[in-house]
Amino acid sequence: MLELTKKILRGVSFDANLFQKELYKALKWINDAEEIKRFQEWCIVEFGGKYPSIIRTAFAQQTTTN
């Protein structure tokens, strides 16, 4: 499922709103802390230059809700 999510994020990365929406959806179903950490690192590498604030906010909210 995580690989599908990565593919989707790559596909919607042209639009900040779609990217944010899909990132938040992905974070709803990921429960394992280690998997979240790896996913965050991947997001930073792939999209950190383009959407740093979206990524930072999404993962900050994820850590406060879990």
N, C-alpha and C. Protein backbone atom coordinates (compact mmCIF):
# COMPACT_ATOMS: atom_id res chain seq x y z
N MET A 1 0.81 -1.20 0.00
CA MET A 1 0.00 0.00 0.00
C MET A 1 0.86 1.27 0.00
N LEU A 2 1.99 1.20 0.70
CA LEU A 2 2.87 2.36 0.77
C LEU A 2 3.44 2.70 -0.61
N GLU A 3 3.77 1.68 -1.38
CA GLU A 3 4.30 1.93 -2.72
C GLU A 3 3.25 2.58 -3.62
N LEU A 4 2.00 2.17 -3.47
CA LEU A 4 0.92 2.81 -4.23
C LEU A 4 0.78 4.28 -3.83
N THR A 5 0.88 4.53 -2.55
CA THR A 5 0.80 5.91 -2.05
C THR A 5 1.92 6.76 -2.63
N LYS A 6 3.13 6.22 -2.68
CA LYS A 6 4.26 6.96 -3.26
C LYS A 6 4.00 7.27 -4.73
N LYS A 7 3.44 6.31 -5.45
CA LYS A 7 3.12 6.51 -6.86
C LYS A 7 2.07 7.61 -7.02
N ILE A 8 1.06 7.60 -6.16
CA ILE A 8 0.02 8.61 -6.20
C ILE A 8 0.60 9.99 -5.91
N LEU A 9 1.44 10.09 -4.89
CA LEU A 9 2.04 11.38 -4.55
C LEU A 9 2.89 11.92 -5.69
N ARG A 10 3.63 11.04 -6.34
CA ARG A 10 4.40 11.48 -7.51
C ARG A 10 3.47 12.00 -8.61
N GLY A 11 2.33 11.33 -8.77
CA GLY A 11 1.38 11.71 -9.82
C GLY A 11 0.67 13.02 -9.57
N VAL A 12 0.46 13.37 -8.30
CA VAL A 12 -0.26 14.61 -7.99
C VAL A 12 0.67 15.74 -7.56
N SER A 13 1.96 15.51 -7.63
CA SER A 13 2.91 16.50 -7.12
C SER A 13 2.92 17.81 -7.91
N PHE A 14 2.23 17.85 -9.04
CA PHE A 14 2.14 19.09 -9.81
C PHE A 14 1.22 20.10 -9.14
N ASP A 15 0.38 19.65 -8.20
CA ASP A 15 -0.61 20.52 -7.56
C ASP A 15 -0.49 20.42 -6.04
N ALA A 16 -0.23 21.52 -5.39
CA ALA A 16 -0.01 21.53 -3.95
C ALA A 16 -1.24 21.04 -3.17
N ASN A 17 -2.43 21.42 -3.59
CA ASN A 17 -3.64 21.00 -2.88
C ASN A 17 -3.87 19.50 -2.98
N LEU A 18 -3.69 18.94 -4.17
CA LEU A 18 -3.84 17.50 -4.34
C LEU A 18 -2.77 16.74 -3.56
N PHE A 19 -1.56 17.26 -3.62
CA PHE A 19 -0.46 16.62 -2.89
C PHE A 19 -0.77 16.58 -1.40
N GLN A 20 -1.21 17.69 -0.85
CA GLN A 20 -1.53 17.76 0.57
C GLN A 20 -2.66 16.80 0.91
N LYS A 21 -3.70 16.78 0.11
CA LYS A 21 -4.84 15.91 0.36
C LYS A 21 -4.42 14.44 0.38
N GLU A 22 -3.62 14.03 -0.59
CA GLU A 22 -3.18 12.64 -0.66
C GLU A 22 -2.21 12.29 0.46
N LEU A 23 -1.38 13.23 0.85
CA LEU A 23 -0.44 12.99 1.94
C LEU A 23 -1.21 12.76 3.25
N TYR A 24 -2.20 13.59 3.50
CA TYR A 24 -3.01 13.43 4.71
C TYR A 24 -3.77 12.10 4.69
N LYS A 25 -4.28 11.71 3.53
CA LYS A 25 -4.97 10.42 3.42
C LYS A 25 -4.02 9.28 3.77
N ALA A 26 -2.82 9.34 3.24
CA ALA A 26 -1.83 8.29 3.49
C ALA A 26 -1.51 8.20 4.98
N LEU A 27 -1.36 9.33 5.62
CA LEU A 27 -0.99 9.33 7.03
C LEU A 27 -2.10 8.80 7.94
N LYS A 28 -3.33 8.77 7.45
CA LYS A 28 -4.43 8.25 8.26
C LYS A 28 -4.32 6.74 8.44
N TRP A 29 -3.82 6.03 7.45
CA TRP A 29 -3.80 4.57 7.55
C TRP A 29 -2.45 3.99 7.97
N ILE A 30 -1.40 4.78 7.99
CA ILE A 30 -0.10 4.27 8.45
C ILE A 30 -0.07 4.33 9.97
N ASN A 31 0.11 3.18 10.60
CA ASN A 31 0.06 3.10 12.06
C ASN A 31 1.42 2.86 12.70
N ASP A 32 2.32 2.23 11.99
CA ASP A 32 3.61 1.87 12.55
C ASP A 32 4.55 3.08 12.59
N ALA A 33 5.10 3.37 13.75
CA ALA A 33 5.96 4.55 13.93
C ALA A 33 7.19 4.50 13.01
N GLU A 34 7.77 3.33 12.87
CA GLU A 34 8.96 3.20 12.02
C GLU A 34 8.61 3.42 10.55
N GLU A 35 7.45 2.93 10.13
CA GLU A 35 7.01 3.13 8.76
C GLU A 35 6.72 4.61 8.49
N ILE A 36 6.16 5.29 9.47
CA ILE A 36 5.90 6.73 9.34
C ILE A 36 7.22 7.48 9.18
N LYS A 37 8.20 7.10 9.96
CA LYS A 37 9.51 7.75 9.89
C LYS A 37 10.15 7.56 8.51
N ARG A 38 10.11 6.33 8.01
CA ARG A 38 10.66 6.06 6.67
C ARG A 38 9.90 6.81 5.59
N PHE A 39 8.57 6.88 5.73
CA PHE A 39 7.75 7.60 4.77
C PHE A 39 8.06 9.09 4.81
N GLN A 40 8.25 9.63 6.00
CA GLN A 40 8.60 11.04 6.13
C GLN A 40 9.94 11.32 5.46
N GLU A 41 10.91 10.47 5.69
CA GLU A 41 12.22 10.65 5.06
C GLU A 41 12.11 10.61 3.55
N TRP A 42 11.30 9.69 3.04
CA TRP A 42 11.10 9.59 1.60
C TRP A 42 10.45 10.87 1.07
N CYS A 43 9.43 11.36 1.76
CA CYS A 43 8.75 12.59 1.33
C CYS A 43 9.71 13.78 1.29
N ILE A 44 10.57 13.87 2.29
CA ILE A 44 11.53 14.97 2.33
C ILE A 44 12.50 14.89 1.17
N VAL A 45 12.99 13.69 0.89
CA VAL A 45 13.92 13.51 -0.22
C VAL A 45 13.24 13.83 -1.55
N GLU A 46 12.04 13.29 -1.74
CA GLU A 46 11.34 13.45 -3.02
C GLU A 46 10.74 14.84 -3.23
N PHE A 47 10.15 15.40 -2.19
CA PHE A 47 9.35 16.62 -2.35
C PHE A 47 9.72 17.75 -1.40
N GLY A 48 10.77 17.56 -0.61
CA GLY A 48 11.16 18.56 0.37
C GLY A 48 11.51 19.91 -0.22
N GLY A 49 12.02 19.91 -1.42
CA GLY A 49 12.35 21.17 -2.08
C GLY A 49 11.14 21.90 -2.60
N LYS A 50 10.08 21.15 -2.88
CA LYS A 50 8.89 21.73 -3.49
C LYS A 50 7.79 22.06 -2.46
N TYR A 51 7.60 21.16 -1.49
CA TYR A 51 6.52 21.33 -0.52
C TYR A 51 7.00 21.14 0.92
N PRO A 52 8.01 21.86 1.35
CA PRO A 52 8.53 21.62 2.71
C PRO A 52 7.52 21.92 3.81
N SER A 53 6.74 22.97 3.66
CA SER A 53 5.79 23.32 4.74
C SER A 53 4.63 22.33 4.82
N ILE A 54 4.17 21.83 3.69
CA ILE A 54 3.10 20.83 3.69
C ILE A 54 3.57 19.57 4.39
N ILE A 55 4.77 19.13 4.06
CA ILE A 55 5.32 17.91 4.65
C ILE A 55 5.53 18.09 6.15
N ARG A 56 6.13 19.20 6.53
CA ARG A 56 6.40 19.48 7.94
C ARG A 56 5.10 19.49 8.74
N THR A 57 4.09 20.19 8.24
CA THR A 57 2.81 20.29 8.94
C THR A 57 2.11 18.95 9.03
N ALA A 58 2.08 18.21 7.96
CA ALA A 58 1.38 16.92 7.94
C ALA A 58 1.99 15.94 8.94
N PHE A 59 3.31 15.85 8.96
CA PHE A 59 3.95 14.91 9.88
C PHE A 59 3.92 15.41 11.32
N ALA A 60 3.91 16.71 11.53
CA ALA A 60 3.78 17.25 12.89
C ALA A 60 2.40 16.91 13.44
N GLN A 61 1.38 17.02 12.63
CA GLN A 61 0.03 16.67 13.07
C GLN A 61 -0.10 15.18 13.30
N GLN A 62 0.60 14.39 12.50
CA GLN A 62 0.57 12.93 12.66
C GLN A 62 1.14 12.53 14.01
N THR A 63 2.23 13.15 14.42
CA THR A 63 2.84 12.78 15.69
C THR A 63 2.01 13.23 16.88
N THR A 64 1.23 14.27 16.72
CA THR A 64 0.40 14.72 17.84
C THR A 64 -0.87 13.90 17.96
N THR A 65 -1.32 13.27 16.88
CA THR A 65 -2.56 12.49 16.94
C THR A 65 -2.30 11.05 17.33
N ASN A 66 -1.08 10.57 17.20
CA ASN A 66 -0.77 9.17 17.58
C ASN A 66 -0.12 9.08 18.91
